[in-house]
Amino acid sequence: MTAAPPSLDRLAALLPRGWSRGSAARWRADDPAAGQCNVTAVLAHELLGGEILKTRVGTSWHFYNRLDGMRHDLTASQFAAPVAHDDVASSRAEAMAGILPAEYAALRGRVLALLAGGAA
């Protein structure tokens, strides 16, 4: 990890460059946030702290974060309409259960390289 945690704004700006088919099989070039909620919520939790939350979207759980008492859905752009967030408490383990370790490693590695100023 970097010496100091990134700001939320910096992380949010770098995430689209980190998302790929390697970080979520449902990734699409025309919708880079698609399928990235679990992996993104876990990485944001690792880098920034706070809590991991979830809400039902259709038949699936959608994961996001609460930092300093405020909700931050870093992958909301994947939805055509705003999500009705229920703010159900979740955990790193629950969010990780929906992804492969290699997907998390791909996003984490790419974002950490970008934070360090690498071209990754």
N, C-alpha and C. Protein backbone atom coordinates (compact mmCIF):
# COMPACT_ATOMS: atom_id res chain seq x y z
N MET A 1 0.84 -1.17 0.00
CA MET A 1 0.00 0.00 0.00
C MET A 1 0.88 1.23 0.00
N THR A 2 0.32 2.38 -0.41
CA THR A 2 1.08 3.61 -0.41
C THR A 2 1.31 4.07 1.02
N ALA A 3 2.26 5.01 1.21
CA ALA A 3 2.61 5.48 2.54
C ALA A 3 1.41 6.09 3.26
N ALA A 4 0.65 6.92 2.59
CA ALA A 4 -0.54 7.52 3.17
C ALA A 4 -1.74 7.08 2.35
N PRO A 5 -2.88 6.91 3.01
CA PRO A 5 -4.06 6.51 2.24
C PRO A 5 -4.41 7.57 1.20
N PRO A 6 -4.91 7.15 0.07
CA PRO A 6 -5.33 8.13 -0.94
C PRO A 6 -6.60 8.83 -0.47
N SER A 7 -6.89 9.97 -1.06
CA SER A 7 -8.18 10.60 -0.79
C SER A 7 -9.25 9.80 -1.54
N LEU A 8 -10.47 9.94 -1.10
CA LEU A 8 -11.59 9.29 -1.78
C LEU A 8 -11.66 9.77 -3.23
N ASP A 9 -11.47 11.05 -3.45
CA ASP A 9 -11.54 11.59 -4.81
C ASP A 9 -10.46 10.99 -5.70
N ARG A 10 -9.26 10.84 -5.17
CA ARG A 10 -8.16 10.26 -5.97
C ARG A 10 -8.47 8.81 -6.30
N LEU A 11 -8.93 8.05 -5.32
CA LEU A 11 -9.28 6.65 -5.57
C LEU A 11 -10.39 6.57 -6.62
N ALA A 12 -11.42 7.38 -6.47
CA ALA A 12 -12.54 7.35 -7.42
C ALA A 12 -12.07 7.68 -8.84
N ALA A 13 -11.12 8.59 -8.95
CA ALA A 13 -10.61 8.97 -10.28
C ALA A 13 -9.78 7.86 -10.91
N LEU A 14 -9.09 7.08 -10.09
CA LEU A 14 -8.22 6.02 -10.62
C LEU A 14 -8.94 4.70 -10.88
N LEU A 15 -10.03 4.45 -10.19
CA LEU A 15 -10.72 3.16 -10.33
C LEU A 15 -11.05 2.78 -11.77
N PRO A 16 -11.61 3.69 -12.58
CA PRO A 16 -11.93 3.28 -13.95
C PRO A 16 -10.71 2.79 -14.73
N ARG A 17 -9.53 3.28 -14.40
CA ARG A 17 -8.30 2.80 -15.06
C ARG A 17 -7.88 1.45 -14.50
N GLY A 18 -8.35 1.10 -13.33
CA GLY A 18 -8.02 -0.18 -12.72
C GLY A 18 -8.98 -1.30 -13.08
N TRP A 19 -10.24 -0.93 -13.36
CA TRP A 19 -11.23 -1.94 -13.70
C TRP A 19 -10.92 -2.58 -15.04
N SER A 20 -11.14 -3.88 -15.11
CA SER A 20 -10.88 -4.62 -16.35
C SER A 20 -11.62 -5.96 -16.27
N ARG A 21 -11.53 -6.72 -17.33
CA ARG A 21 -12.09 -8.08 -17.31
C ARG A 21 -11.35 -8.92 -16.27
N GLY A 22 -10.10 -8.56 -15.98
CA GLY A 22 -9.34 -9.27 -14.96
C GLY A 22 -9.86 -9.05 -13.56
N SER A 23 -10.51 -7.90 -13.31
CA SER A 23 -11.04 -7.62 -11.98
C SER A 23 -12.52 -7.98 -11.84
N ALA A 24 -13.19 -8.22 -12.95
CA ALA A 24 -14.58 -8.70 -12.93
C ALA A 24 -14.94 -9.21 -14.31
N ALA A 25 -15.40 -10.43 -14.37
CA ALA A 25 -15.72 -11.05 -15.66
C ALA A 25 -16.81 -10.30 -16.42
N ARG A 26 -17.67 -9.57 -15.70
CA ARG A 26 -18.77 -8.84 -16.36
C ARG A 26 -18.34 -7.47 -16.88
N TRP A 27 -17.08 -7.10 -16.72
CA TRP A 27 -16.58 -5.80 -17.20
C TRP A 27 -16.89 -5.64 -18.68
N ARG A 28 -17.25 -4.41 -19.07
CA ARG A 28 -17.48 -4.08 -20.48
C ARG A 28 -16.84 -2.73 -20.76
N ALA A 29 -16.27 -2.57 -21.93
CA ALA A 29 -15.64 -1.30 -22.30
C ALA A 29 -16.63 -0.15 -22.27
N ASP A 30 -17.90 -0.42 -22.64
CA ASP A 30 -18.90 0.64 -22.63
C ASP A 30 -19.53 0.87 -21.26
N ASP A 31 -19.20 0.04 -20.28
CA ASP A 31 -19.70 0.17 -18.91
C ASP A 31 -18.65 -0.39 -17.95
N PRO A 32 -17.53 0.32 -17.77
CA PRO A 32 -16.41 -0.24 -17.01
C PRO A 32 -16.72 -0.60 -15.56
N ALA A 33 -17.73 0.01 -14.95
CA ALA A 33 -18.07 -0.30 -13.55
C ALA A 33 -18.89 -1.59 -13.42
N ALA A 34 -19.36 -2.14 -14.55
CA ALA A 34 -20.21 -3.34 -14.50
C ALA A 34 -19.50 -4.49 -13.80
N GLY A 35 -20.16 -5.04 -12.79
CA GLY A 35 -19.63 -6.19 -12.08
C GLY A 35 -18.49 -5.89 -11.12
N GLN A 36 -18.16 -4.63 -10.93
CA GLN A 36 -17.00 -4.26 -10.12
C GLN A 36 -17.33 -3.91 -8.67
N CYS A 37 -18.59 -4.03 -8.26
CA CYS A 37 -18.96 -3.51 -6.93
C CYS A 37 -18.26 -4.25 -5.79
N ASN A 38 -18.24 -5.57 -5.80
CA ASN A 38 -17.61 -6.31 -4.70
C ASN A 38 -16.15 -5.93 -4.56
N VAL A 39 -15.43 -6.08 -5.65
CA VAL A 39 -13.99 -5.87 -5.62
C VAL A 39 -13.65 -4.42 -5.27
N THR A 40 -14.45 -3.49 -5.75
CA THR A 40 -14.21 -2.07 -5.47
C THR A 40 -14.51 -1.74 -4.02
N ALA A 41 -15.61 -2.26 -3.49
CA ALA A 41 -15.95 -2.00 -2.08
C ALA A 41 -14.88 -2.54 -1.15
N VAL A 42 -14.35 -3.72 -1.46
CA VAL A 42 -13.30 -4.31 -0.62
C VAL A 42 -12.02 -3.48 -0.70
N LEU A 43 -11.64 -3.06 -1.90
CA LEU A 43 -10.42 -2.27 -2.03
C LEU A 43 -10.58 -0.91 -1.35
N ALA A 44 -11.72 -0.26 -1.52
CA ALA A 44 -11.96 1.02 -0.84
C ALA A 44 -11.89 0.85 0.67
N HIS A 45 -12.43 -0.24 1.17
CA HIS A 45 -12.38 -0.53 2.61
C HIS A 45 -10.94 -0.72 3.06
N GLU A 46 -10.16 -1.44 2.29
CA GLU A 46 -8.75 -1.66 2.64
C GLU A 46 -7.98 -0.33 2.67
N LEU A 47 -8.20 0.50 1.68
CA LEU A 47 -7.41 1.73 1.55
C LEU A 47 -7.92 2.88 2.41
N LEU A 48 -9.24 2.95 2.62
CA LEU A 48 -9.83 4.11 3.26
C LEU A 48 -10.51 3.82 4.59
N GLY A 49 -10.74 2.53 4.89
CA GLY A 49 -11.44 2.19 6.13
C GLY A 49 -12.94 2.25 5.94
N GLY A 50 -13.63 2.62 6.99
CA GLY A 50 -15.08 2.72 6.93
C GLY A 50 -15.76 1.37 7.00
N GLU A 51 -16.91 1.30 6.37
CA GLU A 51 -17.73 0.08 6.40
C GLU A 51 -18.09 -0.35 4.99
N ILE A 52 -18.34 -1.64 4.84
CA ILE A 52 -18.88 -2.18 3.59
C ILE A 52 -20.37 -2.39 3.81
N LEU A 53 -21.16 -1.88 2.88
CA LEU A 53 -22.61 -2.01 2.94
C LEU A 53 -23.10 -2.73 1.68
N LYS A 54 -24.36 -3.14 1.71
CA LYS A 54 -24.94 -3.80 0.54
C LYS A 54 -26.42 -3.45 0.45
N THR A 55 -26.95 -3.66 -0.76
CA THR A 55 -28.37 -3.48 -1.01
C THR A 55 -28.76 -4.43 -2.14
N ARG A 56 -30.00 -4.82 -2.19
CA ARG A 56 -30.49 -5.67 -3.26
C ARG A 56 -30.73 -4.84 -4.52
N VAL A 57 -30.22 -5.32 -5.62
CA VAL A 57 -30.52 -4.76 -6.93
C VAL A 57 -30.97 -5.96 -7.77
N GLY A 58 -32.24 -6.03 -8.04
CA GLY A 58 -32.78 -7.22 -8.71
C GLY A 58 -32.63 -8.41 -7.77
N THR A 59 -31.98 -9.46 -8.26
CA THR A 59 -31.80 -10.66 -7.44
C THR A 59 -30.40 -10.75 -6.84
N SER A 60 -29.60 -9.71 -7.03
CA SER A 60 -28.21 -9.74 -6.57
C SER A 60 -27.96 -8.68 -5.50
N TRP A 61 -26.91 -8.91 -4.73
CA TRP A 61 -26.45 -7.90 -3.78
C TRP A 61 -25.51 -6.95 -4.50
N HIS A 62 -25.64 -5.67 -4.20
CA HIS A 62 -24.74 -4.63 -4.69
C HIS A 62 -23.98 -4.08 -3.48
N PHE A 63 -22.64 -4.03 -3.58
CA PHE A 63 -21.79 -3.60 -2.47
C PHE A 63 -21.25 -2.20 -2.70
N TYR A 64 -21.08 -1.47 -1.61
CA TYR A 64 -20.56 -0.10 -1.64
C TYR A 64 -20.03 0.23 -0.25
N ASN A 65 -19.69 1.48 0.01
CA ASN A 65 -19.01 1.83 1.25
C ASN A 65 -19.67 2.99 1.98
N ARG A 66 -19.40 3.04 3.29
CA ARG A 66 -19.73 4.22 4.09
C ARG A 66 -18.42 4.67 4.74
N LEU A 67 -18.08 5.93 4.50
CA LEU A 67 -16.86 6.52 5.05
C LEU A 67 -17.25 7.78 5.80
N ASP A 68 -16.79 7.89 7.02
CA ASP A 68 -17.10 9.07 7.84
C ASP A 68 -18.59 9.37 7.85
N GLY A 69 -19.39 8.32 7.94
CA GLY A 69 -20.84 8.48 8.03
C GLY A 69 -21.56 8.76 6.72
N MET A 70 -20.82 8.83 5.62
CA MET A 70 -21.44 9.13 4.32
C MET A 70 -21.35 7.94 3.37
N ARG A 71 -22.42 7.67 2.64
CA ARG A 71 -22.45 6.58 1.66
C ARG A 71 -21.67 6.99 0.42
N HIS A 72 -20.87 6.05 -0.08
CA HIS A 72 -20.12 6.26 -1.32
C HIS A 72 -20.26 5.00 -2.16
N ASP A 73 -20.95 5.13 -3.27
CA ASP A 73 -21.14 4.01 -4.20
C ASP A 73 -20.26 4.29 -5.42
N LEU A 74 -19.06 3.75 -5.38
CA LEU A 74 -18.06 4.03 -6.41
C LEU A 74 -18.35 3.33 -7.74
N THR A 75 -19.33 2.45 -7.76
CA THR A 75 -19.69 1.76 -9.00
C THR A 75 -21.13 2.04 -9.43
N ALA A 76 -21.72 3.10 -8.92
CA ALA A 76 -23.12 3.43 -9.24
C ALA A 76 -23.33 3.68 -10.73
N SER A 77 -22.29 4.06 -11.44
CA SER A 77 -22.44 4.37 -12.86
C SER A 77 -22.85 3.17 -13.71
N GLN A 78 -22.77 1.96 -13.15
CA GLN A 78 -23.16 0.78 -13.92
C GLN A 78 -24.68 0.65 -14.06
N PHE A 79 -25.43 1.42 -13.30
CA PHE A 79 -26.89 1.30 -13.31
C PHE A 79 -27.52 2.43 -14.12
N ALA A 80 -28.55 2.10 -14.87
CA ALA A 80 -29.26 3.08 -15.68
C ALA A 80 -30.07 4.06 -14.82
N ALA A 81 -30.54 3.58 -13.68
CA ALA A 81 -31.33 4.41 -12.76
C ALA A 81 -30.66 4.39 -11.39
N PRO A 82 -30.91 5.41 -10.59
CA PRO A 82 -30.32 5.43 -9.24
C PRO A 82 -30.74 4.21 -8.43
N VAL A 83 -29.83 3.73 -7.62
CA VAL A 83 -30.07 2.57 -6.75
C VAL A 83 -30.71 3.07 -5.46
N ALA A 84 -31.71 2.33 -4.97
CA ALA A 84 -32.29 2.61 -3.66
C ALA A 84 -31.44 1.89 -2.62
N HIS A 85 -30.49 2.59 -2.04
CA HIS A 85 -29.56 1.98 -1.09
C HIS A 85 -30.26 1.68 0.23
N ASP A 86 -30.16 0.41 0.67
CA ASP A 86 -30.75 0.00 1.94
C ASP A 86 -29.73 0.06 3.08
N ASP A 87 -28.45 0.21 2.75
CA ASP A 87 -27.38 0.33 3.74
C ASP A 87 -27.35 -0.84 4.73
N VAL A 88 -27.48 -2.06 4.21
CA VAL A 88 -27.40 -3.26 5.04
C VAL A 88 -25.92 -3.50 5.35
N ALA A 89 -25.60 -3.69 6.62
CA ALA A 89 -24.21 -3.95 7.02
C ALA A 89 -23.70 -5.22 6.36
N SER A 90 -22.48 -5.16 5.87
CA SER A 90 -21.85 -6.32 5.26
C SER A 90 -20.43 -6.43 5.80
N SER A 91 -19.61 -7.20 5.12
CA SER A 91 -18.24 -7.40 5.58
C SER A 91 -17.33 -7.69 4.40
N ARG A 92 -16.05 -7.58 4.65
CA ARG A 92 -15.06 -7.92 3.63
C ARG A 92 -15.25 -9.38 3.20
N ALA A 93 -15.43 -10.27 4.14
CA ALA A 93 -15.58 -11.70 3.82
C ALA A 93 -16.79 -11.93 2.92
N GLU A 94 -17.90 -11.28 3.21
CA GLU A 94 -19.10 -11.47 2.40
C GLU A 94 -18.89 -10.91 0.99
N ALA A 95 -18.30 -9.74 0.88
CA ALA A 95 -18.04 -9.15 -0.45
C ALA A 95 -17.04 -10.01 -1.22
N MET A 96 -16.01 -10.51 -0.55
CA MET A 96 -15.00 -11.35 -1.22
C MET A 96 -15.58 -12.68 -1.68
N ALA A 97 -16.64 -13.15 -1.02
CA ALA A 97 -17.25 -14.42 -1.41
C ALA A 97 -17.82 -14.37 -2.82
N GLY A 98 -18.08 -13.16 -3.32
CA GLY A 98 -18.65 -13.02 -4.65
C GLY A 98 -17.63 -12.79 -5.75
N ILE A 99 -16.35 -12.85 -5.42
CA ILE A 99 -15.30 -12.63 -6.42
C ILE A 99 -14.19 -13.65 -6.25
N LEU A 100 -13.38 -13.76 -7.27
CA LEU A 100 -12.21 -14.63 -7.19
C LEU A 100 -11.04 -13.87 -6.59
N PRO A 101 -10.18 -14.52 -5.82
CA PRO A 101 -9.00 -13.83 -5.29
C PRO A 101 -8.17 -13.17 -6.39
N ALA A 102 -8.10 -13.78 -7.56
CA ALA A 102 -7.33 -13.20 -8.67
C ALA A 102 -7.96 -11.89 -9.15
N GLU A 103 -9.28 -11.75 -9.06
CA GLU A 103 -9.94 -10.51 -9.46
C GLU A 103 -9.55 -9.39 -8.50
N TYR A 104 -9.56 -9.70 -7.21
CA TYR A 104 -9.16 -8.70 -6.23
C TYR A 104 -7.69 -8.33 -6.42
N ALA A 105 -6.85 -9.32 -6.62
CA ALA A 105 -5.43 -9.06 -6.82
C ALA A 105 -5.19 -8.19 -8.06
N ALA A 106 -5.97 -8.41 -9.11
CA ALA A 106 -5.81 -7.62 -10.33
C ALA A 106 -6.16 -6.16 -10.08
N LEU A 107 -7.30 -5.89 -9.45
CA LEU A 107 -7.68 -4.50 -9.20
C LEU A 107 -6.74 -3.86 -8.19
N ARG A 108 -6.44 -4.56 -7.14
CA ARG A 108 -5.56 -4.01 -6.10
C ARG A 108 -4.19 -3.66 -6.68
N GLY A 109 -3.61 -4.58 -7.42
CA GLY A 109 -2.29 -4.34 -8.00
C GLY A 109 -2.28 -3.16 -8.95
N ARG A 110 -3.29 -3.08 -9.78
CA ARG A 110 -3.36 -1.98 -10.76
C ARG A 110 -3.55 -0.64 -10.07
N VAL A 111 -4.46 -0.56 -9.11
CA VAL A 111 -4.72 0.69 -8.43
C VAL A 111 -3.53 1.12 -7.57
N LEU A 112 -2.91 0.19 -6.88
CA LEU A 112 -1.73 0.56 -6.08
C LEU A 112 -0.61 1.07 -6.97
N ALA A 113 -0.43 0.46 -8.14
CA ALA A 113 0.59 0.95 -9.08
C ALA A 113 0.25 2.36 -9.55
N LEU A 114 -1.01 2.60 -9.85
CA LEU A 114 -1.43 3.93 -10.28
C LEU A 114 -1.25 4.96 -9.15
N LEU A 115 -1.56 4.58 -7.93
CA LEU A 115 -1.37 5.47 -6.79
C LEU A 115 0.10 5.80 -6.58
N ALA A 116 0.95 4.84 -6.87
CA ALA A 116 2.40 5.05 -6.71
C ALA A 116 3.00 5.83 -7.89
N GLY A 117 2.17 6.13 -8.87
CA GLY A 117 2.64 6.89 -10.02
C GLY A 117 3.14 6.05 -11.16
N GLY A 118 2.92 4.74 -11.07
CA GLY A 118 3.34 3.85 -12.15
C GLY A 118 2.36 3.85 -13.30
N ALA A 119 2.81 3.34 -14.40
CA ALA A 119 1.97 3.28 -15.60
C ALA A 119 1.06 2.07 -15.61
N ALA A 120 1.28 1.13 -14.73
CA ALA A 120 0.58 -0.15 -14.62
C ALA A 120 -0.41 -0.45 -15.68
